[in-house]
Structures are given as structure tokens and as C-alpha cells.
Amino acid sequence: MASTVPLPLLKPNWDSLNCVPSDFCQLGLHDCHPEHGVCSLTGHQAFSCRCRVGKVGDGTHCERTSCPDFPVAEPQNGFFSCSIPTSSAANTCQSANSTEPEYEVVCVLHCNHGYDRLIYAEYSCRHDGNWTIPVDIYSAGSTPCLAVKCPDLSCPLHGRMTCDSGSYFRYPEICSFACDVNPGYELTPTSSSVRHCQADATWSGNDAECIGVWCPALSSPTNGRMSCNSGYSFRYPETCTFRCNHGYHLSAGSTSRTCQADGKWSGRAARCCPDGYNYYRRSQFCYRAFNQRKNYNDAAATCSSDGGTLAMPRNAGINAFLVDLKNAMDNTALFWFGLTDRATEGSWVWADGVELANEHFKQWGPRQPDNAHDNENCAHYWQRNHEQVERRNRWNDLLCSETFLKFICQVGT
């Protein structure tokens, strides 16, 4: 609507030569709306006011043309921000519902953090009071906002993966990892059992890796060597094999052992005995009855050259084993073993320096040791065929210098 408003008369604007009409619009001597009004000169000191396109009013009072409420609903995982681009609030993010729908308002589609915008949609309130509808974001097959894609994941070797959104690997999918327990695998300490596809298109955590369960570490047998087929990891299903050095033989245990799914090794520990020696599992020593006759010191020296000592029957089990060993060699001979009281008469000490206490196992013959001939400081076995039954295979003391006795050695494994 235009209007003509009379104002107080002003003197004409005379210059030195001419008198020209006064332009109240150019001079700002009008009351049209300062932002949305248009001043038109109609004559000398006369003007009219009207509203700009997209505005309504009488020219002195103008308002933006209103549009209906914003006609597009917010899509899943998206939103609209609305503003007047030429306004000082153009950079202020406001929702469609909080912005007055009026001329020059522009609403732009955005997607939530973690989602990519696949459709650019900008809606404007026009001067005629209607919205521009450039694209139908809800048309069949349209996806305005799509979750960002994280790199594809795969099941770890010897493991499995379960994802809560069908393994599309899009935000905010969660994938869980586990290893095949029954075959014997477990996640490494640095592996993540759960990973989240994050809004920045990266996965949380670390890659999942399954490794075999750990078995206790093995070592090479004394006087032998060990080789393993997986770098000595001692993890399922590694297999380690054992061999004895030259001059030794595998007298007990397994030539190969496998780390099993339950974290235990198959077989038994390998034991290498010097050639000619026999292994006794309960003591874990190797023993040999020598078919040679020597005094106590020379017998001990022979044992030492094999890396051991004269045998020490510390308990009934070892004693029985040694008795069988010597009798298999010669059931008519006496045999030295590693026990003396040379340091202190009556205080018997094993070859490794441990005292034979009163409460310890002993197998002395009747009324022995008796030191019958003085200096009977070394112990031996009586023969199996002794004429006195009660003395058969029993212990006795004798002069260490006697040379008619055979002897039994022991070597550790």
C-alpha cells in the first residue's frame, strides 16, 4: 500500500543559478520503514511509501510475508537449520520449529554427527508466502542421512565375530569377538573383545587376534636338547621334540610333547641318562650298577667322571630299586653306595653332604653298623645270597679301603 504524507514546508534549495525541487527520499526526510520500506518521490517535497517485495504493510509499517509452518518433517538421524541469510543471525543454528516461517527464511537439511548427508535440500519461504520444495527427501528409495561407514572387519583366525546390526559396519554398530575355546584359543592381551564403529568412521579398540592357550614353559632335558615347531611359544598346538646328547639315551619320558587345548602338555618330561644307566622316576635319578671292583674312593671317582655320585638310597623305593639293580648285575657281590661316617664316628652322612638323621629311612643289617674292625666308615650292601638270611641285601659298614666290592652310581637328570 502506498501513502503520501505531508511534512513541514522547507525553503527551496537555491543555488547560485537555479532553484531545484527538494528530493525528500534522497535526503532521508521521509518516514518509510527503514528496512523493508521503499520511498518514491512524487513531487516537490512530496513522496510515497510502499513495502518491498515479500513484505506487507502501508510502507511506513512493513512485515515479512508469512509462510505456513515448515512443511517437511525432520528425517531419521537428521535435522533442519533455519535462518535468514542476510540477517545478523544468519550463522545462528535454529531448528525449523523455533524459526518464524516468513519471507527469506532458508531451511537446510543437516545430518547428525556420525551420519553422511546424501541429499542436499534447501527450502526457502518465497515472497508469495509459499515454500520452495526442491526435492522430496522421502521419495521411495531415498536415504537423506546414512550412517558413516567404518572399515570392514573380519573374524579372527580361530575365532568368531558377532555384530549387532548385521555386519554392515556402519555407525553405531558394535561387534564382539571371541576365540574358539574348545580347540584351545584365546584373545591376545592387546586384543579388544568389543569394538564400536564411531562417528568419525573409525573403530574403537584394537584388532582381535586369537592365539593358542599357553602351556607351562618346557626346557631341554639335562644332557639333551629340545626343538619346537612354533618358535618356542609354548602355545597350543605347538609340538616340542627331545633328543639326548651323544653318550646319553632317552631313558624315560616322551620323545615329543604337544601343548593341548586344555593348557597341558601331552606325555611326560624327557629324561636323558648316560648310556648304561637306568632311570627311576620317583627319584628322577639315573642309576648304574658297575661290574667293577674298587675301593670306596675309586668307586666315587668313577661316579664323578659320569657327572654323579655313589648312589644314595634315601627311602624304601630307591633302596628297592638299587637292590634289584645290583642283584641283576651280580647277586653274589657286595656293592658300595654313597654313605660314610669318616668325619665323625657314628654320624653317617650321604655323599651329597646331607646327614642321615635318626628318623630317616635306614636298612642296616642286624647290630649294624658296628665298626667291628675300627675305621669301618663306608657303607655297602650285603649280597643277596648271604648265608644269614637276615643280612641279605642289608646295609653294613666296612673299611673304605677294601677293593673287592662293586659299586652303584647315580646321575641327576
Foldseek 3Di string as FASTA:
>chain_A
DKDKDQDDDDDFDDDPPDTDADDCQVVVVDQFCPPFKDWAADDRRIIMIDGHQQWDDHRNDIDGAAAPQDDDDADVQKFKFKDQCVDPCNVPGDGSVVDGGGARIKIWIDGHQQKDAPDTWIWGQHSVRYIDGPDDCPPPPHDGIGGAAADQDAAAVQKDKDKPPPRRRGPFIKMAIAGNLVQAKGWDPQADRMWTCDSVRYIPGDHTYIWGDAAPQDAAAVQKHKDKDPPSRRGPFIKMAIDGHPQKHFQDKDRMWTQGSVRYIPIGDTYIDGPQWHADVVVQKTKHWDPFWFFQVVQQVVLVVRVWGFADCFDPVSLVVVLVRNVVVPLQFKAFGAWWCVPHPPFIAGNVGHTDDPPTDFFAAPPPPDCVVPQLTTKIFHGQVPVDNSRHRGIYTGHRHDGRHTGMIMHHD
